[in-house]
Amino acid sequence: MRKALLVVVNTMALVLAASAAFAAGVAPEVAAATATATAIGMAIAAAGCGIGQGLGLKAACEGTARNPEAGGKITVTLILGLAFIESLAIYALVVNLILLFANPLIG
C-alpha cells in the first residue's frame, strides 16, 4: 500500500512540475545545455556499449579457445549478445535525437 501511494504521489508531482516547465520561457542557454547534454549522453552510451562488446568478444574468444567444438554455439550467442548491446546504443541515439530536434523546451 505504501509503495502504491508513493508511486501515485511521485506521478502527480512529475505531472505538475512538467506543466510548469513547459509554460516557462526558454533561454538560449537551454538549447546549448541540451546540445551539450546529448553529446555527453551519447558519448557515455557509445563508450559503455563498446566496453560491453569488447568484453563479450573477449569471453567468446576464450571460450572458443578452451573448447573449439562449441564454437558454433558460442558464435550464435555472441552475435545475439552483440545485437542486444548495440540496441542500447541505438536507443540512446534515438533519445538524444528526440532531445535535439523534438524538444518542446527549445523552440
N, C-alpha and C. Protein backbone atom coordinates (compact mmCIF):
# COMPACT_ATOMS: atom_id res chain seq x y z
N MET A 1 0.83 -1.19 0.00
CA MET A 1 0.00 0.00 0.00
C MET A 1 0.87 1.25 0.00
N ARG A 2 1.91 1.22 0.81
CA ARG A 2 2.79 2.38 0.91
C ARG A 2 3.51 2.65 -0.41
N LYS A 3 3.91 1.57 -1.07
CA LYS A 3 4.60 1.71 -2.35
C LYS A 3 3.67 2.31 -3.41
N ALA A 4 2.43 1.85 -3.45
CA ALA A 4 1.47 2.37 -4.42
C ALA A 4 1.20 3.86 -4.17
N LEU A 5 1.09 4.23 -2.92
CA LEU A 5 0.88 5.63 -2.58
C LEU A 5 2.07 6.49 -3.01
N LEU A 6 3.26 5.96 -2.79
CA LEU A 6 4.47 6.68 -3.19
C LEU A 6 4.52 6.86 -4.71
N VAL A 7 4.13 5.84 -5.46
CA VAL A 7 4.10 5.93 -6.92
C VAL A 7 3.10 6.99 -7.37
N VAL A 8 1.93 7.00 -6.77
CA VAL A 8 0.90 7.98 -7.15
C VAL A 8 1.36 9.40 -6.83
N VAL A 9 1.95 9.60 -5.67
CA VAL A 9 2.41 10.93 -5.28
C VAL A 9 3.53 11.40 -6.20
N ASN A 10 4.48 10.53 -6.53
CA ASN A 10 5.56 10.90 -7.43
C ASN A 10 5.04 11.22 -8.83
N THR A 11 4.07 10.44 -9.29
CA THR A 11 3.50 10.70 -10.61
C THR A 11 2.81 12.06 -10.65
N MET A 12 2.05 12.37 -9.64
CA MET A 12 1.38 13.68 -9.59
C MET A 12 2.40 14.82 -9.53
N ALA A 13 3.46 14.64 -8.76
CA ALA A 13 4.49 15.68 -8.67
C ALA A 13 5.16 15.90 -10.02
N LEU A 14 5.45 14.82 -10.73
CA LEU A 14 6.09 14.96 -12.04
C LEU A 14 5.15 15.62 -13.05
N VAL A 15 3.88 15.27 -13.02
CA VAL A 15 2.93 15.88 -13.94
C VAL A 15 2.80 17.38 -13.68
N LEU A 16 2.72 17.77 -12.41
CA LEU A 16 2.61 19.19 -12.08
C LEU A 16 3.90 19.95 -12.41
N ALA A 17 5.04 19.35 -12.19
CA ALA A 17 6.32 20.00 -12.48
C ALA A 17 6.52 20.14 -13.99
N ALA A 18 6.08 19.14 -14.75
CA ALA A 18 6.25 19.21 -16.20
C ALA A 18 5.41 20.33 -16.81
N SER A 19 4.19 20.51 -16.34
CA SER A 19 3.35 21.57 -16.90
C SER A 19 3.94 22.94 -16.59
N ALA A 20 4.52 23.11 -15.42
CA ALA A 20 5.16 24.39 -15.09
C ALA A 20 6.40 24.61 -15.93
N ALA A 21 7.15 23.56 -16.21
CA ALA A 21 8.36 23.70 -17.01
C ALA A 21 8.03 24.04 -18.45
N PHE A 22 6.96 23.44 -19.00
CA PHE A 22 6.60 23.72 -20.38
C PHE A 22 6.03 25.12 -20.55
N ALA A 23 5.46 25.68 -19.51
CA ALA A 23 4.87 27.01 -19.60
C ALA A 23 5.92 28.11 -19.46
N ALA A 24 7.10 27.78 -18.97
CA ALA A 24 8.14 28.78 -18.74
C ALA A 24 8.79 29.20 -20.05
N GLY A 25 9.34 30.39 -20.06
CA GLY A 25 10.09 30.86 -21.22
C GLY A 25 11.42 30.14 -21.32
N VAL A 26 11.95 30.08 -22.55
CA VAL A 26 13.19 29.34 -22.78
C VAL A 26 14.31 30.31 -23.11
N ALA A 27 15.39 30.17 -22.40
CA ALA A 27 16.56 30.99 -22.67
C ALA A 27 17.45 30.28 -23.68
N PRO A 28 18.29 31.03 -24.40
CA PRO A 28 19.20 30.38 -25.37
C PRO A 28 20.18 29.42 -24.70
N GLU A 29 20.43 29.63 -23.42
CA GLU A 29 21.35 28.74 -22.72
C GLU A 29 20.78 27.32 -22.60
N VAL A 30 19.44 27.21 -22.62
CA VAL A 30 18.82 25.89 -22.52
C VAL A 30 19.15 25.06 -23.75
N ALA A 31 19.13 25.70 -24.93
CA ALA A 31 19.46 24.98 -26.16
C ALA A 31 20.91 24.51 -26.14
N ALA A 32 21.81 25.34 -25.68
CA ALA A 32 23.21 24.94 -25.60
C ALA A 32 23.41 23.85 -24.56
N ALA A 33 22.71 23.94 -23.45
CA ALA A 33 22.82 22.91 -22.42
C ALA A 33 22.27 21.58 -22.92
N THR A 34 21.17 21.63 -23.68
CA THR A 34 20.60 20.40 -24.22
C THR A 34 21.55 19.76 -25.22
N ALA A 35 22.16 20.57 -26.08
CA ALA A 35 23.10 20.03 -27.05
C ALA A 35 24.31 19.41 -26.35
N THR A 36 24.80 20.05 -25.33
CA THR A 36 25.94 19.50 -24.58
C THR A 36 25.54 18.22 -23.87
N ALA A 37 24.36 18.20 -23.27
CA ALA A 37 23.92 17.01 -22.55
C ALA A 37 23.73 15.83 -23.49
N THR A 38 23.19 16.07 -24.68
CA THR A 38 23.01 14.97 -25.61
C THR A 38 24.35 14.46 -26.12
N ALA A 39 25.30 15.34 -26.32
CA ALA A 39 26.63 14.90 -26.76
C ALA A 39 27.31 14.06 -25.69
N ILE A 40 27.23 14.49 -24.45
CA ILE A 40 27.82 13.73 -23.35
C ILE A 40 27.09 12.40 -23.17
N GLY A 41 25.77 12.43 -23.26
CA GLY A 41 25.00 11.20 -23.12
C GLY A 41 25.31 10.17 -24.19
N MET A 42 25.46 10.61 -25.43
CA MET A 42 25.79 9.67 -26.49
C MET A 42 27.20 9.15 -26.34
N ALA A 43 28.11 10.00 -25.87
CA ALA A 43 29.49 9.54 -25.65
C ALA A 43 29.53 8.46 -24.57
N ILE A 44 28.79 8.66 -23.50
CA ILE A 44 28.76 7.66 -22.43
C ILE A 44 28.13 6.37 -22.92
N ALA A 45 27.04 6.48 -23.69
CA ALA A 45 26.37 5.28 -24.20
C ALA A 45 27.28 4.52 -25.16
N ALA A 46 27.95 5.23 -26.04
CA ALA A 46 28.84 4.57 -27.00
C ALA A 46 30.03 3.93 -26.29
N ALA A 47 30.57 4.60 -25.29
CA ALA A 47 31.70 4.03 -24.55
C ALA A 47 31.26 2.79 -23.78
N GLY A 48 30.12 2.85 -23.13
CA GLY A 48 29.62 1.69 -22.39
C GLY A 48 29.33 0.51 -23.30
N CYS A 49 28.73 0.77 -24.44
CA CYS A 49 28.44 -0.32 -25.38
C CYS A 49 29.73 -0.88 -25.97
N GLY A 50 30.69 -0.04 -26.24
CA GLY A 50 31.97 -0.51 -26.76
C GLY A 50 32.70 -1.40 -25.75
N ILE A 51 32.67 -1.01 -24.50
CA ILE A 51 33.30 -1.82 -23.46
C ILE A 51 32.56 -3.16 -23.33
N GLY A 52 31.25 -3.11 -23.35
CA GLY A 52 30.47 -4.34 -23.24
C GLY A 52 30.71 -5.29 -24.41
N GLN A 53 30.80 -4.74 -25.61
CA GLN A 53 31.06 -5.58 -26.78
C GLN A 53 32.47 -6.16 -26.73
N GLY A 54 33.41 -5.37 -26.28
CA GLY A 54 34.78 -5.87 -26.16
C GLY A 54 34.89 -7.00 -25.16
N LEU A 55 34.23 -6.85 -24.02
CA LEU A 55 34.25 -7.92 -23.01
C LEU A 55 33.56 -9.18 -23.52
N GLY A 56 32.46 -8.99 -24.24
CA GLY A 56 31.76 -10.15 -24.79
C GLY A 56 32.59 -10.89 -25.82
N LEU A 57 33.26 -10.14 -26.68
CA LEU A 57 34.12 -10.76 -27.70
C LEU A 57 35.30 -11.47 -27.04
N LYS A 58 35.85 -10.87 -26.01
CA LYS A 58 36.96 -11.50 -25.29
C LYS A 58 36.52 -12.83 -24.69
N ALA A 59 35.36 -12.84 -24.06
CA ALA A 59 34.87 -14.07 -23.46
C ALA A 59 34.57 -15.13 -24.51
N ALA A 60 34.03 -14.71 -25.66
CA ALA A 60 33.75 -15.67 -26.72
C ALA A 60 35.03 -16.27 -27.29
N CYS A 61 36.05 -15.45 -27.46
CA CYS A 61 37.34 -15.96 -27.95
C CYS A 61 37.96 -16.93 -26.95
N GLU A 62 37.89 -16.61 -25.67
CA GLU A 62 38.42 -17.51 -24.65
C GLU A 62 37.64 -18.81 -24.60
N GLY A 63 36.33 -18.72 -24.74
CA GLY A 63 35.51 -19.94 -24.73
C GLY A 63 35.79 -20.82 -25.93
N THR A 64 35.98 -20.22 -27.10
CA THR A 64 36.30 -20.99 -28.29
C THR A 64 37.69 -21.60 -28.19
N ALA A 65 38.62 -20.88 -27.60
CA ALA A 65 39.97 -21.41 -27.45
C ALA A 65 39.99 -22.60 -26.48
N ARG A 66 39.14 -22.56 -25.45
CA ARG A 66 39.11 -23.66 -24.49
C ARG A 66 38.36 -24.87 -25.02
N ASN A 67 37.32 -24.61 -25.81
CA ASN A 67 36.50 -25.71 -26.32
C ASN A 67 36.14 -25.42 -27.78
N PRO A 68 37.01 -25.79 -28.72
CA PRO A 68 36.75 -25.46 -30.13
C PRO A 68 35.48 -26.09 -30.69
N GLU A 69 35.04 -27.21 -30.14
CA GLU A 69 33.83 -27.86 -30.65
C GLU A 69 32.58 -27.04 -30.38
N ALA A 70 32.62 -26.20 -29.37
CA ALA A 70 31.45 -25.37 -29.02
C ALA A 70 31.48 -24.02 -29.73
N GLY A 71 32.35 -23.88 -30.71
CA GLY A 71 32.50 -22.59 -31.39
C GLY A 71 31.23 -22.10 -32.06
N GLY A 72 30.45 -23.02 -32.64
CA GLY A 72 29.21 -22.61 -33.31
C GLY A 72 28.19 -22.03 -32.34
N LYS A 73 27.99 -22.70 -31.21
CA LYS A 73 27.03 -22.21 -30.22
C LYS A 73 27.51 -20.90 -29.60
N ILE A 74 28.81 -20.81 -29.38
CA ILE A 74 29.36 -19.58 -28.80
C ILE A 74 29.19 -18.41 -29.77
N THR A 75 29.40 -18.68 -31.05
CA THR A 75 29.26 -17.61 -32.06
C THR A 75 27.82 -17.10 -32.14
N VAL A 76 26.86 -18.02 -32.12
CA VAL A 76 25.45 -17.62 -32.16
C VAL A 76 25.10 -16.78 -30.94
N THR A 77 25.53 -17.22 -29.78
CA THR A 77 25.26 -16.48 -28.55
C THR A 77 25.96 -15.12 -28.57
N LEU A 78 27.18 -15.08 -29.09
CA LEU A 78 27.91 -13.82 -29.18
C LEU A 78 27.18 -12.82 -30.08
N ILE A 79 26.75 -13.27 -31.23
CA ILE A 79 26.07 -12.36 -32.16
C ILE A 79 24.77 -11.85 -31.56
N LEU A 80 24.04 -12.71 -30.88
CA LEU A 80 22.80 -12.28 -30.22
C LEU A 80 23.10 -11.26 -29.12
N GLY A 81 24.12 -11.53 -28.33
CA GLY A 81 24.50 -10.59 -27.27
C GLY A 81 24.97 -9.26 -27.82
N LEU A 82 25.75 -9.30 -28.90
CA LEU A 82 26.21 -8.04 -29.51
C LEU A 82 25.04 -7.24 -30.07
N ALA A 83 24.04 -7.92 -30.60
CA ALA A 83 22.86 -7.21 -31.10
C ALA A 83 22.11 -6.52 -29.97
N PHE A 84 21.98 -7.20 -28.83
CA PHE A 84 21.33 -6.58 -27.68
C PHE A 84 22.11 -5.37 -27.18
N ILE A 85 23.42 -5.50 -27.13
CA ILE A 85 24.24 -4.38 -26.67
C ILE A 85 24.15 -3.21 -27.64
N GLU A 86 24.18 -3.51 -28.93
CA GLU A 86 24.11 -2.44 -29.93
C GLU A 86 22.75 -1.76 -29.90
N SER A 87 21.70 -2.50 -29.56
CA SER A 87 20.37 -1.89 -29.49
C SER A 87 20.33 -0.82 -28.40
N LEU A 88 21.10 -1.00 -27.34
CA LEU A 88 21.16 0.04 -26.30
C LEU A 88 21.75 1.33 -26.84
N ALA A 89 22.78 1.22 -27.68
CA ALA A 89 23.36 2.42 -28.28
C ALA A 89 22.37 3.08 -29.24
N ILE A 90 21.60 2.27 -29.96
CA ILE A 90 20.61 2.83 -30.88
C ILE A 90 19.50 3.54 -30.10
N TYR A 91 19.07 2.94 -28.99
CA TYR A 91 18.07 3.60 -28.15
C TYR A 91 18.59 4.94 -27.62
N ALA A 92 19.83 4.96 -27.21
CA ALA A 92 20.42 6.21 -26.72
C ALA A 92 20.47 7.24 -27.83
N LEU A 93 20.81 6.81 -29.04
CA LEU A 93 20.83 7.73 -30.18
C LEU A 93 19.45 8.30 -30.45
N VAL A 94 18.43 7.46 -30.41
CA VAL A 94 17.06 7.92 -30.67
C VAL A 94 16.63 8.93 -29.61
N VAL A 95 16.92 8.65 -28.35
CA VAL A 95 16.55 9.58 -27.28
C VAL A 95 17.29 10.90 -27.45
N ASN A 96 18.57 10.84 -27.81
CA ASN A 96 19.33 12.06 -28.00
C ASN A 96 18.83 12.87 -29.19
N LEU A 97 18.44 12.19 -30.27
CA LEU A 97 17.89 12.92 -31.42
C LEU A 97 16.54 13.55 -31.07
N ILE A 98 15.75 12.87 -30.26
CA ILE A 98 14.48 13.46 -29.83
C ILE A 98 14.75 14.70 -28.99
N LEU A 99 15.73 14.62 -28.09
CA LEU A 99 16.06 15.78 -27.27
C LEU A 99 16.57 16.94 -28.12
N LEU A 100 17.30 16.64 -29.17
CA LEU A 100 17.85 17.71 -30.01
C LEU A 100 16.81 18.35 -30.92
N PHE A 101 15.98 17.52 -31.57
CA PHE A 101 15.13 18.05 -32.63
C PHE A 101 13.65 18.15 -32.30
N ALA A 102 13.18 17.44 -31.29
CA ALA A 102 11.76 17.50 -30.95
C ALA A 102 11.55 17.95 -29.52
N ASN A 103 12.51 18.63 -28.95
CA ASN A 103 12.41 19.07 -27.57
C ASN A 103 11.46 20.25 -27.48
N PRO A 104 10.38 20.13 -26.71
CA PRO A 104 9.43 21.24 -26.62
C PRO A 104 9.99 22.44 -25.86
N LEU A 105 11.07 22.26 -25.11
CA LEU A 105 11.64 23.38 -24.38
C LEU A 105 12.47 24.29 -25.28
N ILE A 106 12.86 23.79 -26.44
CA ILE A 106 13.65 24.60 -27.36
C ILE A 106 12.77 24.95 -28.54
N GLY A 107 12.49 26.17 -28.70
CA GLY A 107 11.76 26.49 -29.90
C GLY A 107 10.56 27.26 -29.63
